[in-house]
Amino acid sequence: MRILKSWWFWYGLVVGAALAFLLVTALIPDFVVRLLGG
């Protein structure tokens, strides 16, 4: 598979994972606070 050797594929994968991680860490505390507080 040629795509696995593409640098942009891995770059996109890493950036996407980092963004997803930041999004999750930003949203989960707010969700928990709303769940417990509301």
PDB file of N, CA and C in Angstrom:
ATOM      1  N   MET A   1       0.838  -1.203   0.000  1.00  0.00           N
ATOM      2  CA  MET A   1       0.000   0.000   0.000  1.00  0.00           C
ATOM      3  C   MET A   1       0.874   1.254   0.000  1.00  0.00           C
ATOM      4  N   ARG A   2       0.673   2.055  -0.994  1.00  0.00           N
ATOM      5  CA  ARG A   2       1.537   3.212  -1.194  1.00  0.00           C
ATOM      6  C   ARG A   2       1.284   4.332  -0.180  1.00  0.00           C
ATOM      7  N   ILE A   3       0.031   4.423   0.275  1.00  0.00           N
ATOM      8  CA  ILE A   3      -0.351   5.537   1.163  1.00  0.00           C
ATOM      9  C   ILE A   3       0.378   5.468   2.501  1.00  0.00           C
ATOM     10  N   LEU A   4       0.753   4.264   2.924  1.00  0.00           N
ATOM     11  CA  LEU A   4       1.427   4.120   4.206  1.00  0.00           C
ATOM     12  C   LEU A   4       2.827   4.716   4.195  1.00  0.00           C
ATOM     13  N   LYS A   5       3.371   4.923   2.990  1.00  0.00           N
ATOM     14  CA  LYS A   5       4.708   5.493   2.878  1.00  0.00           C
ATOM     15  C   LYS A   5       4.668   7.000   2.654  1.00  0.00           C
ATOM     16  N   SER A   6       3.462   7.550   2.600  1.00  0.00           N
ATOM     17  CA  SER A   6       3.325   8.986   2.370  1.00  0.00           C
ATOM     18  C   SER A   6       3.481   9.743   3.677  1.00  0.00           C
ATOM     19  N   TRP A   7       4.327  10.762   3.661  1.00  0.00           N
ATOM     20  CA  TRP A   7       4.571  11.533   4.889  1.00  0.00           C
ATOM     21  C   TRP A   7       3.332  12.312   5.299  1.00  0.00           C
ATOM     22  N   TRP A   8       2.558  12.784   4.320  1.00  0.00           N
ATOM     23  CA  TRP A   8       1.370  13.579   4.648  1.00  0.00           C
ATOM     24  C   TRP A   8       0.302  12.739   5.317  1.00  0.00           C
ATOM     25  N   PHE A   9       0.305  11.442   5.012  1.00  0.00           N
ATOM     26  CA  PHE A   9      -0.654  10.537   5.648  1.00  0.00           C
ATOM     27  C   PHE A   9      -0.377  10.441   7.145  1.00  0.00           C
ATOM     28  N   TRP A  10       0.899  10.219   7.484  1.00  0.00           N
ATOM     29  CA  TRP A  10       1.282  10.101   8.893  1.00  0.00           C
ATOM     30  C   TRP A  10       1.188  11.443   9.599  1.00  0.00           C
ATOM     31  N   TYR A  11       1.536  12.514   8.888  1.00  0.00           N
ATOM     32  CA  TYR A  11       1.443  13.858   9.458  1.00  0.00           C
ATOM     33  C   TYR A  11      -0.014  14.182   9.803  1.00  0.00           C
ATOM     34  N   GLY A  12      -0.899  13.880   8.873  1.00  0.00           N
ATOM     35  CA  GLY A  12      -2.322  14.111   9.098  1.00  0.00           C
ATOM     36  C   GLY A  12      -2.856  13.257  10.239  1.00  0.00           C
ATOM     37  N   LEU A  13      -2.351  12.036  10.319  1.00  0.00           N
ATOM     38  CA  LEU A  13      -2.784  11.126  11.372  1.00  0.00           C
ATOM     39  C   LEU A  13      -2.381  11.659  12.745  1.00  0.00           C
ATOM     40  N   VAL A  14      -1.128  12.115  12.850  1.00  0.00           N
ATOM     41  CA  VAL A  14      -0.612  12.641  14.122  1.00  0.00           C
ATOM     42  C   VAL A  14      -1.334  13.925  14.518  1.00  0.00           C
ATOM     43  N   VAL A  15      -1.494  14.830  13.544  1.00  0.00           N
ATOM     44  CA  VAL A  15      -2.177  16.095  13.817  1.00  0.00           C
ATOM     45  C   VAL A  15      -3.641  15.840  14.202  1.00  0.00           C
ATOM     46  N   GLY A  16      -4.284  14.943  13.491  1.00  0.00           N
ATOM     47  CA  GLY A  16      -5.669  14.607  13.792  1.00  0.00           C
ATOM     48  C   GLY A  16      -5.817  14.004  15.186  1.00  0.00           C
ATOM     49  N   ALA A  17      -4.881  13.141  15.554  1.00  0.00           N
ATOM     50  CA  ALA A  17      -4.912  12.528  16.879  1.00  0.00           C
ATOM     51  C   ALA A  17      -4.688  13.575  17.966  1.00  0.00           C
ATOM     52  N   ALA A  18      -3.770  14.505  17.710  1.00  0.00           N
ATOM     53  CA  ALA A  18      -3.476  15.564  18.679  1.00  0.00           C
ATOM     54  C   ALA A  18      -4.691  16.478  18.860  1.00  0.00           C
ATOM     55  N   LEU A  19      -5.324  16.845  17.747  1.00  0.00           N
ATOM     56  CA  LEU A  19      -6.513  17.701  17.811  1.00  0.00           C
ATOM     57  C   LEU A  19      -7.662  16.987  18.522  1.00  0.00           C
ATOM     58  N   ALA A  20      -7.829  15.714  18.227  1.00  0.00           N
ATOM     59  CA  ALA A  20      -8.890  14.940  18.871  1.00  0.00           C
ATOM     60  C   ALA A  20      -8.646  14.848  20.380  1.00  0.00           C
ATOM     61  N   PHE A  21      -7.363  14.662  20.758  1.00  0.00           N
ATOM     62  CA  PHE A  21      -7.006  14.573  22.166  1.00  0.00           C
ATOM     63  C   PHE A  21      -7.296  15.884  22.882  1.00  0.00           C
ATOM     64  N   LEU A  22      -6.920  16.992  22.249  1.00  0.00           N
ATOM     65  CA  LEU A  22      -7.179  18.309  22.840  1.00  0.00           C
ATOM     66  C   LEU A  22      -8.680  18.571  22.960  1.00  0.00           C
ATOM     67  N   LEU A  23      -9.413  18.175  21.930  1.00  0.00           N
ATOM     68  CA  LEU A  23     -10.857  18.371  21.939  1.00  0.00           C
ATOM     69  C   LEU A  23     -11.502  17.574  23.075  1.00  0.00           C
ATOM     70  N   VAL A  24     -11.070  16.331  23.222  1.00  0.00           N
ATOM     71  CA  VAL A  24     -11.615  15.461  24.267  1.00  0.00           C
ATOM     72  C   VAL A  24     -11.288  15.993  25.656  1.00  0.00           C
ATOM     73  N   THR A  25     -10.039  16.422  25.857  1.00  0.00           N
ATOM     74  CA  THR A  25      -9.647  16.922  27.181  1.00  0.00           C
ATOM     75  C   THR A  25     -10.332  18.247  27.488  1.00  0.00           C
ATOM     76  N   ALA A  26     -10.714  18.987  26.446  1.00  0.00           N
ATOM     77  CA  ALA A  26     -11.417  20.253  26.651  1.00  0.00           C
ATOM     78  C   ALA A  26     -12.900  20.010  26.945  1.00  0.00           C
ATOM     79  N   LEU A  27     -13.493  19.006  26.320  1.00  0.00           N
ATOM     80  CA  LEU A  27     -14.932  18.781  26.438  1.00  0.00           C
ATOM     81  C   LEU A  27     -15.334  17.912  27.630  1.00  0.00           C
ATOM     82  N   ILE A  28     -14.525  16.926  27.955  1.00  0.00           N
ATOM     83  CA  ILE A  28     -14.914  15.981  29.002  1.00  0.00           C
ATOM     84  C   ILE A  28     -15.101  16.639  30.368  1.00  0.00           C
ATOM     85  N   PRO A  29     -14.186  17.498  30.832  1.00  0.00           N
ATOM     86  CA  PRO A  29     -14.405  18.138  32.136  1.00  0.00           C
ATOM     87  C   PRO A  29     -15.699  18.956  32.165  1.00  0.00           C
ATOM     88  N   ASP A  30     -15.965  19.676  31.090  1.00  0.00           N
ATOM     89  CA  ASP A  30     -17.192  20.469  31.005  1.00  0.00           C
ATOM     90  C   ASP A  30     -18.424  19.565  31.052  1.00  0.00           C
ATOM     91  N   PHE A  31     -18.340  18.437  30.359  1.00  0.00           N
ATOM     92  CA  PHE A  31     -19.442  17.478  30.334  1.00  0.00           C
ATOM     93  C   PHE A  31     -19.680  16.894  31.722  1.00  0.00           C
ATOM     94  N   VAL A  32     -18.585  16.547  32.412  1.00  0.00           N
ATOM     95  CA  VAL A  32     -18.684  15.971  33.756  1.00  0.00           C
ATOM     96  C   VAL A  32     -19.267  16.984  34.736  1.00  0.00           C
ATOM     97  N   VAL A  33     -18.812  18.238  34.622  1.00  0.00           N
ATOM     98  CA  VAL A  33     -19.316  19.302  35.501  1.00  0.00           C
ATOM     99  C   VAL A  33     -20.810  19.504  35.279  1.00  0.00           C
ATOM    100  N   ARG A  34     -21.226  19.506  34.030  1.00  0.00           N
ATOM    101  CA  ARG A  34     -22.652  19.673  33.728  1.00  0.00           C
ATOM    102  C   ARG A  34     -23.464  18.480  34.234  1.00  0.00           C
ATOM    103  N   LEU A  35     -22.875  17.295  34.099  1.00  0.00           N
ATOM    104  CA  LEU A  35     -23.562  16.084  34.514  1.00  0.00           C
ATOM    105  C   LEU A  35     -23.747  16.074  36.034  1.00  0.00           C
ATOM    106  N   LEU A  36     -22.702  16.425  36.762  1.00  0.00           N
ATOM    107  CA  LEU A  36     -22.752  16.419  38.223  1.00  0.00           C
ATOM    108  C   LEU A  36     -23.497  17.629  38.766  1.00  0.00           C
ATOM    109  N   GLY A  37     -23.308  18.775  38.108  1.00  0.00           N
ATOM    110  CA  GLY A  37     -23.896  20.011  38.616  1.00  0.00           C
ATOM    111  C   GLY A  37     -25.353  20.193  38.202  1.00  0.00           C
ATOM    112  N   GLY A  38     -25.713  19.594  37.058  1.00  0.00           N
ATOM    113  CA  GLY A  38     -27.054  19.825  36.559  1.00  0.00           C
ATOM    114  C   GLY A  38     -27.947  18.640  36.804  1.00  0.00           C
TER     115      GLY A  38
END
